[in-house]
Amino acid sequence: MAQVYEHVTPVMLKQVLRVLEARWAGSVSALTEAERDHLFAMAPMLEEQYREDINDELSSEPTGS
């Protein structure tokens, strides 16, 4: 394989997953409420994952105190 990096480290994998999850959450957030409801009606597991991601982000933010 020419010029293809084949040795992905665990750190690299975590970084890629973090970026992809952030992009996905941003895309879902950009939907209208009706579009989001339609998406989650078709795939309820996505809503569960989205809600978990949002809660994780909120709990990791500094409290400002």
C-alpha atoms as a PDB file:
ATOM      1  CA  MET A   1       0.000   0.000   0.000  1.00  0.00           C
ATOM      2  CA  ALA A   2       1.579   3.211  -1.132  1.00  0.00           C
ATOM      3  CA  GLN A   3       1.546   6.182   1.240  1.00  0.00           C
ATOM      4  CA  VAL A   4      -1.131   4.776   3.548  1.00  0.00           C
ATOM      5  CA  TYR A   5      -0.537   4.876   7.264  1.00  0.00           C
ATOM      6  CA  GLU A   6      -1.536   1.462   8.583  1.00  0.00           C
ATOM      7  CA  HIS A   7      -0.635   1.661  12.269  1.00  0.00           C
ATOM      8  CA  VAL A   8      -3.424   3.495  14.041  1.00  0.00           C
ATOM      9  CA  THR A   9      -2.660   3.996  17.717  1.00  0.00           C
ATOM     10  CA  PRO A  10      -5.354   3.974  20.411  1.00  0.00           C
ATOM     11  CA  VAL A  11      -4.786   7.714  20.908  1.00  0.00           C
ATOM     12  CA  MET A  12      -5.319   8.372  17.202  1.00  0.00           C
ATOM     13  CA  LEU A  13      -8.488   6.278  17.208  1.00  0.00           C
ATOM     14  CA  LYS A  14      -9.884   8.170  20.209  1.00  0.00           C
ATOM     15  CA  GLN A  15      -9.119  11.487  18.523  1.00  0.00           C
ATOM     16  CA  VAL A  16     -10.856  10.460  15.292  1.00  0.00           C
ATOM     17  CA  LEU A  17     -13.891   9.166  17.182  1.00  0.00           C
ATOM     18  CA  ARG A  18     -14.099  12.356  19.277  1.00  0.00           C
ATOM     19  CA  VAL A  19     -14.029  14.530  16.148  1.00  0.00           C
ATOM     20  CA  LEU A  20     -16.589  12.408  14.297  1.00  0.00           C
ATOM     21  CA  GLU A  21     -18.935  12.382  17.298  1.00  0.00           C
ATOM     22  CA  ALA A  22     -18.653  16.165  17.605  1.00  0.00           C
ATOM     23  CA  ARG A  23     -19.454  16.580  13.905  1.00  0.00           C
ATOM     24  CA  TRP A  24     -22.425  14.246  14.213  1.00  0.00           C
ATOM     25  CA  ALA A  25     -23.774  16.081  17.269  1.00  0.00           C
ATOM     26  CA  GLY A  26     -23.326  19.405  15.475  1.00  0.00           C
ATOM     27  CA  SER A  27     -25.192  18.115  12.442  1.00  0.00           C
ATOM     28  CA  VAL A  28     -28.078  16.853  14.551  1.00  0.00           C
ATOM     29  CA  SER A  29     -28.188  20.145  16.471  1.00  0.00           C
ATOM     30  CA  ALA A  30     -28.414  22.041  13.173  1.00  0.00           C
ATOM     31  CA  LEU A  31     -31.620  20.202  12.240  1.00  0.00           C
ATOM     32  CA  THR A  32     -34.977  21.779  12.934  1.00  0.00           C
ATOM     33  CA  GLU A  33     -36.958  20.261  15.776  1.00  0.00           C
ATOM     34  CA  ALA A  34     -39.285  18.574  13.257  1.00  0.00           C
ATOM     35  CA  GLU A  35     -36.331  17.105  11.330  1.00  0.00           C
ATOM     36  CA  ARG A  36     -34.755  15.867  14.551  1.00  0.00           C
ATOM     37  CA  ASP A  37     -38.052  14.283  15.644  1.00  0.00           C
ATOM     38  CA  HIS A  38     -38.345  12.561  12.256  1.00  0.00           C
ATOM     39  CA  LEU A  39     -34.769  11.249  12.443  1.00  0.00           C
ATOM     40  CA  PHE A  40     -35.227   9.945  15.972  1.00  0.00           C
ATOM     41  CA  ALA A  41     -38.579   8.352  15.085  1.00  0.00           C
ATOM     42  CA  MET A  42     -36.830   6.352  12.359  1.00  0.00           C
ATOM     43  CA  ALA A  43     -33.870   5.418  14.567  1.00  0.00           C
ATOM     44  CA  PRO A  44     -34.654   5.729  18.299  1.00  0.00           C
ATOM     45  CA  MET A  45     -31.177   4.536  19.242  1.00  0.00           C
ATOM     46  CA  LEU A  46     -29.760   7.711  17.676  1.00  0.00           C
ATOM     47  CA  GLU A  47     -31.812   9.853  20.027  1.00  0.00           C
ATOM     48  CA  GLU A  48     -30.486   7.933  23.027  1.00  0.00           C
ATOM     49  CA  GLN A  49     -26.909   8.439  21.836  1.00  0.00           C
ATOM     50  CA  TYR A  50     -27.530  12.123  21.070  1.00  0.00           C
ATOM     51  CA  ARG A  51     -29.029  12.761  24.521  1.00  0.00           C
ATOM     52  CA  GLU A  52     -26.090  10.971  26.187  1.00  0.00           C
ATOM     53  CA  ASP A  53     -23.612  13.065  24.190  1.00  0.00           C
ATOM     54  CA  ILE A  54     -25.390  16.299  25.124  1.00  0.00           C
ATOM     55  CA  ASN A  55     -25.499  15.318  28.821  1.00  0.00           C
ATOM     56  CA  ASP A  56     -21.805  14.360  28.748  1.00  0.00           C
ATOM     57  CA  GLU A  57     -20.913  17.731  27.234  1.00  0.00           C
ATOM     58  CA  LEU A  58     -22.943  19.608  29.812  1.00  0.00           C
ATOM     59  CA  SER A  59     -21.464  17.675  32.729  1.00  0.00           C
ATOM     60  CA  SER A  60     -17.903  18.252  31.495  1.00  0.00           C
ATOM     61  CA  GLU A  61     -18.262  22.040  31.223  1.00  0.00           C
ATOM     62  CA  PRO A  62     -16.666  24.119  33.980  1.00  0.00           C
ATOM     63  CA  THR A  63     -19.125  25.459  36.526  1.00  0.00           C
ATOM     64  CA  GLY A  64     -17.479  28.868  36.703  1.00  0.00           C
ATOM     65  CA  SER A  65     -16.911  28.799  40.446  1.00  0.00           C
END
